[in-house]
Amino acid sequence: MSAAPQPDWRDFSVPVLPPLLAAALECFLEHGYHGTAIRTVAARAGLSVPGLYHHYPSKQALLVGIAESAMADLYARSTAALAEAGDDVEERFALLIECLVLVHAYRWEHAFIAASEIRSLEGAARSGHIAARDRQQKLLDDVVADAVRLGRFCTAHPKDASRAVTTMCTGVAQWYRAGGPLSPEELAARYVQICRGAVGAR
C-alpha cells in the first residue's frame, strides 16, 4: 500500500486514518482485536453493521487497513526525511531516527496496534505486513552499513546495531504519552544522541 507524498514529514496535524478506521483503532486499543465485536466498531463510527460492511467486509479487513496505513505512513515520512538529509550519511541517520521517534510518539495508537496485532493478521495480509516492515528496516540497515563503510560509525555489528536502534525507537509507542516531561521533538533529539552511541558514531 502506497502513501501520499509527505510535504512535511514532521507535520502530524492531519489524521492519517479515515473515520471508520479511526473508530476501529479506538476499539482495538480498548478491547483488543479479538475482544472487539464488529457491532462495537459500527456503533463507535455511527453506522449500522450493514453500513460498516459496505466499506469493509470483515473485522480482519479493518485491521488490515490500519496496519497497511501505519506502514505506508511511516515509510513515506522516512523516505521524505532521507531526501531532506541528502547525501551526508550521519544526517541521514539522525533524521531517520528523528522520524521513527516522532511517528511512534505522535501516532502511538496506530503504531501500537500495527505491531501488537500482527499475530492477528491472516495469510497474505500477514506476509504483506512483514514485507513492509522489512522494507522499512532496510532503510536504516543501509544507512548504518554505509556509515560503517565510510568509517563514520565503528560498530562491529552494523545489522544487529540497526535492529537494536529500531527496536528502541519503535518501543516509544509502548510508553510515550502526551503531557509528559518531554515533547516528541525533545525526545527525538535525545534518542538521536542515544542511537549514535549504539552504532559507534565517531
Protein backbone atom coordinates (compact mmCIF):
# COMPACT_ATOMS: atom_id res chain seq x y z
CA MET A 1 0.00 0.00 0.00
CA SER A 2 1.45 3.36 -1.01
CA ALA A 3 1.00 6.58 0.91
CA ALA A 4 0.52 10.09 -0.34
CA PRO A 5 3.75 12.10 -0.58
CA GLN A 6 4.62 13.87 2.64
CA PRO A 7 5.18 17.60 2.04
CA ASP A 8 6.35 17.89 5.66
CA TRP A 9 7.26 14.63 7.37
CA ARG A 10 7.26 16.39 10.76
CA ASP A 11 3.64 17.51 10.40
CA PHE A 12 1.18 15.32 12.31
CA SER A 13 -1.76 17.72 12.26
CA VAL A 14 -3.77 15.78 9.67
CA PRO A 15 -5.27 12.44 10.80
CA VAL A 16 -3.79 9.52 8.89
CA LEU A 17 -6.88 7.30 9.20
CA PRO A 18 -10.37 7.82 7.77
CA PRO A 19 -13.12 7.99 10.43
CA LEU A 20 -14.18 4.35 10.19
CA LEU A 21 -10.67 3.00 10.63
CA ALA A 22 -10.08 5.52 13.41
CA ALA A 23 -13.14 4.14 15.20
CA ALA A 24 -11.86 0.58 14.74
CA LEU A 25 -8.46 1.62 16.09
CA GLU A 26 -10.05 3.04 19.25
CA CYS A 27 -11.99 -0.17 19.80
CA PHE A 28 -8.96 -2.39 19.22
CA LEU A 29 -6.99 -0.31 21.72
CA GLU A 30 -9.73 -0.64 24.34
CA HIS A 31 -10.71 -4.28 23.85
CA GLY A 32 -8.03 -5.90 21.69
CA TYR A 33 -8.69 -7.19 18.20
CA HIS A 34 -10.25 -10.47 19.27
CA GLY A 35 -12.23 -8.82 22.05
CA THR A 36 -13.85 -6.28 19.74
CA ALA A 37 -17.23 -7.07 18.21
CA ILE A 38 -17.99 -5.65 14.78
CA ARG A 39 -21.16 -4.07 16.16
CA THR A 40 -18.98 -2.15 18.65
CA VAL A 41 -16.96 -0.66 15.83
CA ALA A 42 -20.10 0.18 13.88
CA ALA A 43 -21.64 1.94 16.88
CA ARG A 44 -18.43 3.90 17.52
CA ALA A 45 -18.41 5.01 13.89
CA GLY A 46 -22.11 5.91 13.93
CA LEU A 47 -23.01 3.22 11.40
CA SER A 48 -25.18 0.15 11.24
CA VAL A 49 -23.40 -3.19 10.90
CA PRO A 50 -24.54 -3.50 7.24
CA GLY A 51 -23.32 0.07 6.71
CA LEU A 52 -19.89 -0.83 8.05
CA TYR A 53 -19.75 -3.94 5.86
CA HIS A 54 -20.43 -1.74 2.84
CA HIS A 55 -16.99 -0.20 3.40
CA TYR A 56 -15.07 -3.11 4.96
CA PRO A 57 -16.27 -6.71 4.51
CA SER A 58 -14.89 -8.01 7.82
CA LYS A 59 -13.17 -7.14 11.07
CA GLN A 60 -9.99 -8.55 9.52
CA ALA A 61 -10.28 -6.01 6.71
CA LEU A 62 -10.39 -3.22 9.29
CA LEU A 63 -7.20 -4.48 10.92
CA VAL A 64 -5.50 -4.82 7.55
CA GLY A 65 -6.47 -1.25 6.70
CA ILE A 66 -4.99 0.03 9.95
CA ALA A 67 -1.77 -1.96 9.59
CA GLU A 68 -1.25 -1.02 5.94
CA SER A 69 -1.90 2.64 6.69
CA ALA A 70 0.59 2.62 9.57
CA MET A 71 3.38 1.13 7.49
CA ALA A 72 2.67 3.30 4.45
CA ASP A 73 2.66 6.49 6.53
CA LEU A 74 5.91 5.55 8.28
CA TYR A 75 7.64 4.67 5.01
CA ALA A 76 6.51 7.85 3.27
CA ARG A 77 7.73 10.01 6.15
CA SER A 78 11.00 8.08 6.38
CA THR A 79 11.83 8.45 2.70
CA ALA A 80 10.96 12.15 2.90
CA ALA A 81 13.33 12.51 5.88
CA LEU A 82 16.11 10.77 3.96
CA ALA A 83 15.51 13.02 0.96
CA GLU A 84 15.82 16.07 3.21
CA ALA A 85 19.09 14.77 4.65
CA GLY A 86 20.76 14.47 1.27
CA ASP A 87 23.98 12.50 0.91
CA ASP A 88 25.54 13.00 4.35
CA VAL A 89 25.27 9.60 6.00
CA GLU A 90 25.24 10.90 9.57
CA GLU A 91 22.49 13.38 8.76
CA ARG A 92 20.54 10.56 7.09
CA PHE A 93 20.87 8.51 10.26
CA ALA A 94 19.87 11.42 12.51
CA LEU A 95 16.78 12.38 10.51
CA LEU A 96 15.66 8.78 10.15
CA ILE A 97 15.89 8.31 13.93
CA GLU A 98 14.03 11.59 14.45
CA CYS A 99 11.32 10.38 12.08
CA LEU A 100 10.95 7.00 13.79
CA VAL A 101 10.60 8.57 17.22
CA LEU A 102 8.18 11.28 16.09
CA VAL A 103 5.92 8.77 14.37
CA HIS A 104 5.87 6.43 17.35
CA ALA A 105 5.20 9.29 19.76
CA TYR A 106 2.56 11.18 17.77
CA ARG A 107 0.93 8.09 16.26
CA TRP A 108 1.50 5.71 19.16
CA GLU A 109 -2.01 4.22 18.97
CA HIS A 110 -1.59 3.41 15.30
CA ALA A 111 1.91 2.01 15.75
CA PHE A 112 0.96 0.02 18.84
CA ILE A 113 -1.90 -1.83 17.14
CA ALA A 114 0.07 -2.40 13.92
CA ALA A 115 2.85 -4.03 15.94
CA SER A 116 0.94 -5.84 18.68
CA GLU A 117 -1.81 -7.27 16.49
CA ILE A 118 0.45 -8.63 13.74
CA ARG A 119 -0.35 -12.02 15.27
CA SER A 120 -3.98 -11.45 14.28
CA LEU A 121 -3.28 -10.73 10.62
CA GLU A 122 -4.11 -13.64 8.36
CA GLY A 123 -2.50 -15.16 5.28
CA ALA A 124 -1.35 -12.73 2.62
CA ALA A 125 -2.07 -9.76 4.89
CA ARG A 126 0.42 -11.02 7.45
CA SER A 127 3.03 -11.73 4.77
CA GLY A 128 2.49 -8.30 3.28
CA HIS A 129 2.87 -6.61 6.63
CA ILE A 130 6.12 -8.42 7.33
CA ALA A 131 7.42 -7.45 3.87
CA ALA A 132 6.52 -3.80 4.54
CA ARG A 133 8.27 -3.98 7.91
CA ASP A 134 11.38 -5.45 6.27
CA ARG A 135 11.36 -2.72 3.62
CA GLN A 136 11.20 -0.12 6.36
CA GLN A 137 14.04 -1.74 8.29
CA LYS A 138 16.24 -1.84 5.20
CA LEU A 139 16.25 1.96 5.10
CA LEU A 140 18.11 2.09 8.41
CA ASP A 141 20.19 -1.02 7.70
CA ASP A 142 21.54 0.62 4.54
CA VAL A 143 22.34 3.91 6.27
CA VAL A 144 24.22 2.20 9.10
CA ALA A 145 26.10 -0.08 6.67
CA ASP A 146 27.13 2.95 4.58
CA ALA A 147 28.29 4.83 7.69
CA VAL A 148 30.42 1.87 8.78
CA ARG A 149 31.90 1.51 5.30
CA LEU A 150 32.80 5.21 5.30
CA GLY A 151 34.36 4.99 8.77
CA ARG A 152 31.75 7.27 10.37
CA PHE A 153 30.33 4.54 12.64
CA CYS A 154 32.53 1.95 14.26
CA THR A 155 30.11 -0.76 15.38
CA ALA A 156 31.41 -4.25 14.63
CA HIS A 157 27.84 -5.46 14.15
CA PRO A 158 26.05 -2.96 11.89
CA LYS A 159 22.97 -5.04 11.16
CA ASP A 160 22.46 -6.00 14.80
CA ALA A 161 23.02 -2.40 15.87
CA SER A 162 20.49 -1.20 13.30
CA ARG A 163 17.86 -3.64 14.54
CA ALA A 164 18.55 -2.67 18.15
CA VAL A 165 18.12 1.02 17.30
CA THR A 166 14.85 0.33 15.51
CA THR A 167 13.53 -1.63 18.49
CA MET A 168 14.45 1.25 20.77
CA CYS A 169 12.67 3.82 18.61
CA THR A 170 9.53 1.80 17.90
CA GLY A 171 9.30 1.00 21.61
CA VAL A 172 8.37 4.63 22.19
CA ALA A 173 4.81 3.69 21.21
CA GLN A 174 4.64 1.37 24.23
CA TRP A 175 5.12 4.08 26.83
CA TYR A 176 5.11 7.64 25.45
CA ARG A 177 2.04 9.76 26.11
CA ALA A 178 1.46 13.47 25.60
CA GLY A 179 1.76 15.58 28.71
CA GLY A 180 4.97 14.03 29.97
CA PRO A 181 8.20 15.88 30.69
CA LEU A 182 9.43 15.75 27.08
CA SER A 183 7.73 16.76 23.86
CA PRO A 184 8.05 14.32 20.93
CA GLU A 185 10.63 16.65 19.40
CA GLU A 186 12.71 16.79 22.58
CA LEU A 187 12.51 13.02 22.91
CA ALA A 188 13.58 12.58 19.29
CA ALA A 189 16.63 14.80 19.82
CA ARG A 190 17.59 12.77 22.88
CA TYR A 191 17.15 9.48 21.02
CA VAL A 192 19.38 10.66 18.17
CA GLN A 193 22.22 11.00 20.67
CA ILE A 194 21.49 7.66 22.33
CA CYS A 195 21.27 5.89 18.97
CA ARG A 196 24.52 7.46 17.76
CA GLY A 197 26.17 5.80 20.74
CA ALA A 198 24.59 2.47 19.84
CA VAL A 199 26.15 2.46 16.38
CA GLY A 200 29.53 3.78 17.50
CA ALA A 201 29.34 7.20 15.86
CA ARG A 202 32.76 8.82 15.96
